[in-house]
Amino acid sequence: MADGYFVSPNEAHQVEMLPGVYRRTMGTTDETMLCEFFIERGAVVQPHSHRNDQVGYVVRGKMEYTVNGDVFIVNPGDSYAIPGGIIHSCKALMDSVIIDCFSPPRDDYRTEAR
């Protein structure tokens, strides 16, 4: 992170978290973490929960999210907020780009970041 404030995509190491699911951990403070996800069509993130609040935005593509058993189709421009501890999953219906913020930052994403 140049000067401790800015992160370019070239500086953020891309990690393949699951087959077809790629993450770059971008700007991070003590309270919040920003991540960019590239998710290939058909890729699935299985049901899970974490202590972190997750707020996201679909930049490109189309996603299906299941949150506490309810299914939502999320399109470009749509956003979502999933409180910590809630079971959720997602599937890419098209190649997609997602921006997610986590609060507090996810320790597992911080250690893989660079």
N, C-alpha and C. Protein backbone atom coordinates (compact mmCIF):
# COMPACT_ATOMS: atom_id res chain seq x y z
N MET A 1 0.85 -1.17 0.00
CA MET A 1 0.00 0.00 0.00
C MET A 1 0.90 1.23 0.00
N ALA A 2 0.88 1.96 -1.07
CA ALA A 2 1.71 3.15 -1.19
C ALA A 2 1.30 4.20 -0.16
N ASP A 3 2.25 4.68 0.60
CA ASP A 3 2.02 5.72 1.62
C ASP A 3 0.96 5.33 2.65
N GLY A 4 0.56 4.05 2.69
CA GLY A 4 -0.39 3.59 3.69
C GLY A 4 -1.84 3.94 3.40
N TYR A 5 -2.14 4.61 2.27
CA TYR A 5 -3.51 5.04 2.01
C TYR A 5 -4.11 4.50 0.72
N PHE A 6 -3.31 4.17 -0.28
CA PHE A 6 -3.83 3.82 -1.59
C PHE A 6 -3.31 2.46 -2.03
N VAL A 7 -4.18 1.69 -2.68
CA VAL A 7 -3.80 0.38 -3.20
C VAL A 7 -4.24 0.33 -4.66
N SER A 8 -3.33 0.03 -5.56
CA SER A 8 -3.71 -0.15 -6.96
C SER A 8 -3.94 -1.64 -7.19
N PRO A 9 -4.73 -1.98 -8.20
CA PRO A 9 -4.95 -3.41 -8.50
C PRO A 9 -3.64 -4.15 -8.78
N ASN A 10 -2.65 -3.45 -9.29
CA ASN A 10 -1.36 -4.09 -9.57
C ASN A 10 -0.64 -4.50 -8.29
N GLU A 11 -0.92 -3.83 -7.19
CA GLU A 11 -0.27 -4.13 -5.91
C GLU A 11 -1.00 -5.22 -5.13
N ALA A 12 -2.28 -5.42 -5.42
CA ALA A 12 -3.10 -6.36 -4.66
C ALA A 12 -3.03 -7.74 -5.32
N HIS A 13 -2.48 -8.69 -4.60
CA HIS A 13 -2.33 -10.06 -5.10
C HIS A 13 -3.69 -10.72 -5.25
N GLN A 14 -3.96 -11.31 -6.40
CA GLN A 14 -5.22 -12.01 -6.62
C GLN A 14 -5.10 -13.46 -6.13
N VAL A 15 -6.08 -13.89 -5.35
CA VAL A 15 -6.09 -15.22 -4.76
C VAL A 15 -7.29 -15.99 -5.31
N GLU A 16 -7.07 -17.22 -5.79
CA GLU A 16 -8.20 -18.07 -6.17
C GLU A 16 -8.66 -18.77 -4.89
N MET A 17 -9.79 -18.33 -4.36
CA MET A 17 -10.30 -18.84 -3.09
C MET A 17 -10.97 -20.20 -3.26
N LEU A 18 -11.71 -20.33 -4.33
CA LEU A 18 -12.46 -21.53 -4.69
C LEU A 18 -12.39 -21.63 -6.20
N PRO A 19 -12.72 -22.77 -6.78
CA PRO A 19 -12.71 -22.84 -8.24
C PRO A 19 -13.61 -21.75 -8.85
N GLY A 20 -13.03 -20.88 -9.65
CA GLY A 20 -13.77 -19.82 -10.32
C GLY A 20 -14.06 -18.60 -9.48
N VAL A 21 -13.55 -18.54 -8.25
CA VAL A 21 -13.78 -17.40 -7.36
C VAL A 21 -12.42 -16.78 -7.01
N TYR A 22 -12.20 -15.56 -7.47
CA TYR A 22 -10.92 -14.87 -7.29
C TYR A 22 -11.15 -13.60 -6.47
N ARG A 23 -10.24 -13.34 -5.53
CA ARG A 23 -10.36 -12.16 -4.65
C ARG A 23 -9.07 -11.36 -4.63
N ARG A 24 -9.25 -10.05 -4.61
CA ARG A 24 -8.14 -9.14 -4.31
C ARG A 24 -8.53 -8.36 -3.06
N THR A 25 -7.70 -8.44 -2.04
CA THR A 25 -7.93 -7.63 -0.85
C THR A 25 -7.32 -6.27 -1.13
N MET A 26 -8.15 -5.25 -1.08
CA MET A 26 -7.72 -3.90 -1.44
C MET A 26 -7.50 -3.08 -0.16
N GLY A 27 -8.05 -1.89 -0.09
CA GLY A 27 -7.84 -1.02 1.07
C GLY A 27 -8.39 -1.62 2.35
N THR A 28 -7.60 -1.50 3.42
CA THR A 28 -7.98 -2.05 4.71
C THR A 28 -7.56 -1.10 5.82
N THR A 29 -8.47 -0.89 6.76
CA THR A 29 -8.15 -0.15 7.98
C THR A 29 -8.36 -1.09 9.15
N ASP A 30 -8.25 -0.57 10.36
CA ASP A 30 -8.51 -1.39 11.55
C ASP A 30 -9.98 -1.82 11.63
N GLU A 31 -10.88 -1.06 10.99
CA GLU A 31 -12.32 -1.30 11.12
C GLU A 31 -12.98 -1.88 9.88
N THR A 32 -12.40 -1.67 8.68
CA THR A 32 -13.07 -2.05 7.44
C THR A 32 -12.09 -2.59 6.41
N MET A 33 -12.56 -3.53 5.60
CA MET A 33 -11.75 -4.12 4.52
C MET A 33 -12.57 -4.09 3.23
N LEU A 34 -11.93 -3.69 2.13
CA LEU A 34 -12.55 -3.68 0.82
C LEU A 34 -11.93 -4.77 -0.03
N CYS A 35 -12.78 -5.60 -0.65
CA CYS A 35 -12.31 -6.69 -1.51
C CYS A 35 -13.02 -6.63 -2.85
N GLU A 36 -12.27 -7.01 -3.88
CA GLU A 36 -12.82 -7.11 -5.23
C GLU A 36 -12.85 -8.59 -5.60
N PHE A 37 -14.00 -9.06 -6.06
CA PHE A 37 -14.17 -10.46 -6.44
C PHE A 37 -14.47 -10.59 -7.92
N PHE A 38 -13.80 -11.53 -8.57
CA PHE A 38 -14.09 -11.93 -9.93
C PHE A 38 -14.66 -13.35 -9.82
N ILE A 39 -15.88 -13.54 -10.26
CA ILE A 39 -16.54 -14.83 -10.08
C ILE A 39 -17.00 -15.33 -11.45
N GLU A 40 -16.49 -16.49 -11.85
CA GLU A 40 -16.83 -17.05 -13.15
C GLU A 40 -18.23 -17.67 -13.13
N ARG A 41 -18.90 -17.59 -14.26
CA ARG A 41 -20.24 -18.16 -14.40
C ARG A 41 -20.25 -19.60 -13.90
N GLY A 42 -21.22 -19.91 -13.06
CA GLY A 42 -21.38 -21.26 -12.52
C GLY A 42 -20.62 -21.50 -11.22
N ALA A 43 -19.70 -20.60 -10.86
CA ALA A 43 -18.95 -20.78 -9.61
C ALA A 43 -19.89 -20.60 -8.41
N VAL A 44 -19.65 -21.38 -7.37
CA VAL A 44 -20.51 -21.39 -6.19
C VAL A 44 -19.68 -21.17 -4.94
N VAL A 45 -20.18 -20.31 -4.06
CA VAL A 45 -19.66 -20.18 -2.70
C VAL A 45 -20.69 -20.85 -1.81
N GLN A 46 -20.31 -21.96 -1.19
CA GLN A 46 -21.22 -22.77 -0.39
C GLN A 46 -21.73 -22.00 0.84
N PRO A 47 -22.85 -22.44 1.42
CA PRO A 47 -23.38 -21.77 2.61
C PRO A 47 -22.33 -21.68 3.72
N HIS A 48 -22.23 -20.49 4.30
CA HIS A 48 -21.26 -20.23 5.35
C HIS A 48 -21.72 -18.99 6.12
N SER A 49 -21.07 -18.74 7.23
CA SER A 49 -21.28 -17.49 7.97
C SER A 49 -19.93 -17.08 8.54
N HIS A 50 -19.84 -15.82 8.90
CA HIS A 50 -18.64 -15.27 9.54
C HIS A 50 -19.08 -14.14 10.45
N ARG A 51 -18.22 -13.78 11.35
CA ARG A 51 -18.59 -12.75 12.34
C ARG A 51 -18.67 -11.36 11.73
N ASN A 52 -18.12 -11.18 10.54
CA ASN A 52 -18.00 -9.88 9.91
C ASN A 52 -19.30 -9.48 9.20
N ASP A 53 -19.70 -8.20 9.37
CA ASP A 53 -20.75 -7.66 8.51
C ASP A 53 -20.18 -7.60 7.10
N GLN A 54 -21.03 -7.85 6.10
CA GLN A 54 -20.61 -7.84 4.70
C GLN A 54 -21.58 -6.98 3.91
N VAL A 55 -21.05 -5.95 3.27
CA VAL A 55 -21.86 -5.06 2.45
C VAL A 55 -21.23 -5.08 1.06
N GLY A 56 -22.05 -5.31 0.03
CA GLY A 56 -21.49 -5.46 -1.30
C GLY A 56 -22.28 -4.77 -2.38
N TYR A 57 -21.67 -4.77 -3.57
CA TYR A 57 -22.20 -4.08 -4.74
C TYR A 57 -21.81 -4.88 -5.98
N VAL A 58 -22.76 -5.13 -6.87
CA VAL A 58 -22.48 -5.83 -8.11
C VAL A 58 -22.08 -4.82 -9.17
N VAL A 59 -20.85 -4.93 -9.65
CA VAL A 59 -20.36 -4.03 -10.69
C VAL A 59 -20.78 -4.54 -12.07
N ARG A 60 -20.60 -5.86 -12.27
CA ARG A 60 -20.88 -6.45 -13.58
C ARG A 60 -21.33 -7.90 -13.36
N GLY A 61 -22.23 -8.36 -14.21
CA GLY A 61 -22.67 -9.75 -14.14
C GLY A 61 -24.02 -9.92 -13.52
N LYS A 62 -24.25 -11.11 -12.98
CA LYS A 62 -25.53 -11.45 -12.34
C LYS A 62 -25.26 -12.56 -11.34
N MET A 63 -25.73 -12.38 -10.13
CA MET A 63 -25.49 -13.32 -9.04
C MET A 63 -26.80 -13.77 -8.41
N GLU A 64 -26.78 -14.99 -7.88
CA GLU A 64 -27.89 -15.49 -7.08
C GLU A 64 -27.36 -15.66 -5.66
N TYR A 65 -27.95 -14.94 -4.72
CA TYR A 65 -27.57 -15.04 -3.30
C TYR A 65 -28.69 -15.73 -2.54
N THR A 66 -28.31 -16.60 -1.63
CA THR A 66 -29.26 -17.19 -0.70
C THR A 66 -28.84 -16.74 0.69
N VAL A 67 -29.74 -16.05 1.37
CA VAL A 67 -29.46 -15.51 2.70
C VAL A 67 -30.56 -15.99 3.64
N ASN A 68 -30.17 -16.77 4.65
CA ASN A 68 -31.14 -17.35 5.59
C ASN A 68 -32.26 -18.07 4.86
N GLY A 69 -31.94 -18.75 3.76
CA GLY A 69 -32.93 -19.52 3.02
C GLY A 69 -33.70 -18.75 1.96
N ASP A 70 -33.59 -17.42 1.94
CA ASP A 70 -34.27 -16.61 0.94
C ASP A 70 -33.34 -16.39 -0.25
N VAL A 71 -33.87 -16.52 -1.47
CA VAL A 71 -33.07 -16.40 -2.68
C VAL A 71 -33.31 -15.03 -3.31
N PHE A 72 -32.22 -14.38 -3.70
CA PHE A 72 -32.26 -13.07 -4.34
C PHE A 72 -31.40 -13.10 -5.60
N ILE A 73 -31.89 -12.51 -6.68
CA ILE A 73 -31.10 -12.31 -7.90
C ILE A 73 -30.58 -10.88 -7.83
N VAL A 74 -29.26 -10.75 -8.00
CA VAL A 74 -28.61 -9.45 -7.83
C VAL A 74 -27.94 -9.08 -9.16
N ASN A 75 -28.28 -7.90 -9.68
CA ASN A 75 -27.82 -7.41 -10.97
C ASN A 75 -26.88 -6.23 -10.81
N PRO A 76 -26.22 -5.81 -11.89
CA PRO A 76 -25.34 -4.64 -11.80
C PRO A 76 -26.06 -3.43 -11.20
N GLY A 77 -25.40 -2.79 -10.26
CA GLY A 77 -25.98 -1.64 -9.58
C GLY A 77 -26.69 -2.00 -8.29
N ASP A 78 -27.03 -3.28 -8.11
CA ASP A 78 -27.70 -3.71 -6.87
C ASP A 78 -26.66 -3.86 -5.76
N SER A 79 -27.08 -3.62 -4.54
CA SER A 79 -26.21 -3.81 -3.38
C SER A 79 -26.93 -4.67 -2.36
N TYR A 80 -26.17 -5.09 -1.36
CA TYR A 80 -26.72 -5.97 -0.34
C TYR A 80 -25.95 -5.73 0.96
N ALA A 81 -26.57 -6.11 2.06
CA ALA A 81 -25.94 -6.02 3.38
C ALA A 81 -26.31 -7.28 4.15
N ILE A 82 -25.28 -8.01 4.58
CA ILE A 82 -25.48 -9.27 5.30
C ILE A 82 -24.81 -9.14 6.67
N PRO A 83 -25.60 -9.09 7.74
CA PRO A 83 -25.01 -8.97 9.07
C PRO A 83 -24.15 -10.19 9.42
N GLY A 84 -23.17 -9.98 10.25
CA GLY A 84 -22.33 -11.08 10.72
C GLY A 84 -23.18 -12.17 11.36
N GLY A 85 -22.76 -13.43 11.18
CA GLY A 85 -23.45 -14.55 11.79
C GLY A 85 -24.59 -15.13 10.96
N ILE A 86 -24.95 -14.48 9.86
CA ILE A 86 -26.06 -14.95 9.02
C ILE A 86 -25.52 -15.93 7.97
N ILE A 87 -26.19 -17.07 7.80
CA ILE A 87 -25.77 -18.05 6.80
C ILE A 87 -26.16 -17.54 5.41
N HIS A 88 -25.18 -17.59 4.50
CA HIS A 88 -25.42 -17.12 3.13
C HIS A 88 -24.53 -17.88 2.16
N SER A 89 -24.93 -17.85 0.89
CA SER A 89 -24.18 -18.48 -0.19
C SER A 89 -24.45 -17.70 -1.46
N CYS A 90 -23.69 -18.00 -2.52
CA CYS A 90 -23.96 -17.34 -3.79
C CYS A 90 -23.50 -18.21 -4.95
N LYS A 91 -24.07 -17.91 -6.11
CA LYS A 91 -23.72 -18.58 -7.36
C LYS A 91 -23.70 -17.52 -8.45
N ALA A 92 -22.68 -17.56 -9.29
CA ALA A 92 -22.59 -16.62 -10.41
C ALA A 92 -23.43 -17.14 -11.56
N LEU A 93 -24.42 -16.36 -11.97
CA LEU A 93 -25.26 -16.71 -13.11
C LEU A 93 -24.60 -16.25 -14.42
N MET A 94 -23.68 -15.30 -14.30
CA MET A 94 -22.85 -14.79 -15.40
C MET A 94 -21.49 -14.49 -14.81
N ASP A 95 -20.45 -14.35 -15.65
CA ASP A 95 -19.18 -13.84 -15.13
C ASP A 95 -19.48 -12.53 -14.42
N SER A 96 -18.97 -12.35 -13.20
CA SER A 96 -19.37 -11.21 -12.38
C SER A 96 -18.18 -10.57 -11.69
N VAL A 97 -18.33 -9.28 -11.42
CA VAL A 97 -17.39 -8.53 -10.60
C VAL A 97 -18.19 -7.95 -9.44
N ILE A 98 -17.72 -8.24 -8.23
CA ILE A 98 -18.40 -7.83 -7.00
C ILE A 98 -17.41 -7.06 -6.13
N ILE A 99 -17.88 -6.03 -5.47
CA ILE A 99 -17.10 -5.31 -4.47
C ILE A 99 -17.75 -5.58 -3.12
N ASP A 100 -16.97 -6.07 -2.15
CA ASP A 100 -17.47 -6.33 -0.80
C ASP A 100 -16.63 -5.59 0.22
N CYS A 101 -17.32 -5.07 1.23
CA CYS A 101 -16.66 -4.49 2.40
C CYS A 101 -16.99 -5.37 3.59
N PHE A 102 -15.99 -5.60 4.43
CA PHE A 102 -16.17 -6.41 5.64
C PHE A 102 -15.78 -5.58 6.85
N SER A 103 -16.62 -5.67 7.89
CA SER A 103 -16.31 -4.98 9.13
C SER A 103 -16.68 -5.89 10.28
N PRO A 104 -15.74 -6.18 11.18
CA PRO A 104 -14.32 -5.83 11.09
C PRO A 104 -13.67 -6.57 9.92
N PRO A 105 -12.45 -6.19 9.55
CA PRO A 105 -11.74 -6.88 8.48
C PRO A 105 -11.63 -8.37 8.76
N ARG A 106 -11.65 -9.16 7.72
CA ARG A 106 -11.49 -10.62 7.86
C ARG A 106 -10.01 -10.95 8.00
N ASP A 107 -9.66 -11.57 9.10
CA ASP A 107 -8.26 -11.95 9.32
C ASP A 107 -7.77 -12.92 8.25
N ASP A 108 -8.64 -13.86 7.82
CA ASP A 108 -8.21 -14.83 6.82
C ASP A 108 -7.93 -14.17 5.47
N TYR A 109 -8.60 -13.07 5.16
CA TYR A 109 -8.33 -12.37 3.90
C TYR A 109 -7.11 -11.46 4.02
N ARG A 110 -6.84 -10.99 5.21
CA ARG A 110 -5.68 -10.13 5.43
C ARG A 110 -4.37 -10.91 5.24
N THR A 111 -4.31 -12.12 5.76
CA THR A 111 -3.08 -12.90 5.70
C THR A 111 -2.79 -13.40 4.29
N GLU A 112 -3.82 -13.56 3.45
CA GLU A 112 -3.61 -13.99 2.08
C GLU A 112 -3.37 -12.83 1.14
N ALA A 113 -3.51 -11.62 1.62
CA ALA A 113 -3.57 -10.45 0.73
C ALA A 113 -2.30 -10.24 -0.08
N ARG A 114 -1.13 -10.47 0.48
CA ARG A 114 0.09 -10.13 -0.25
C ARG A 114 1.13 -11.19 -0.05
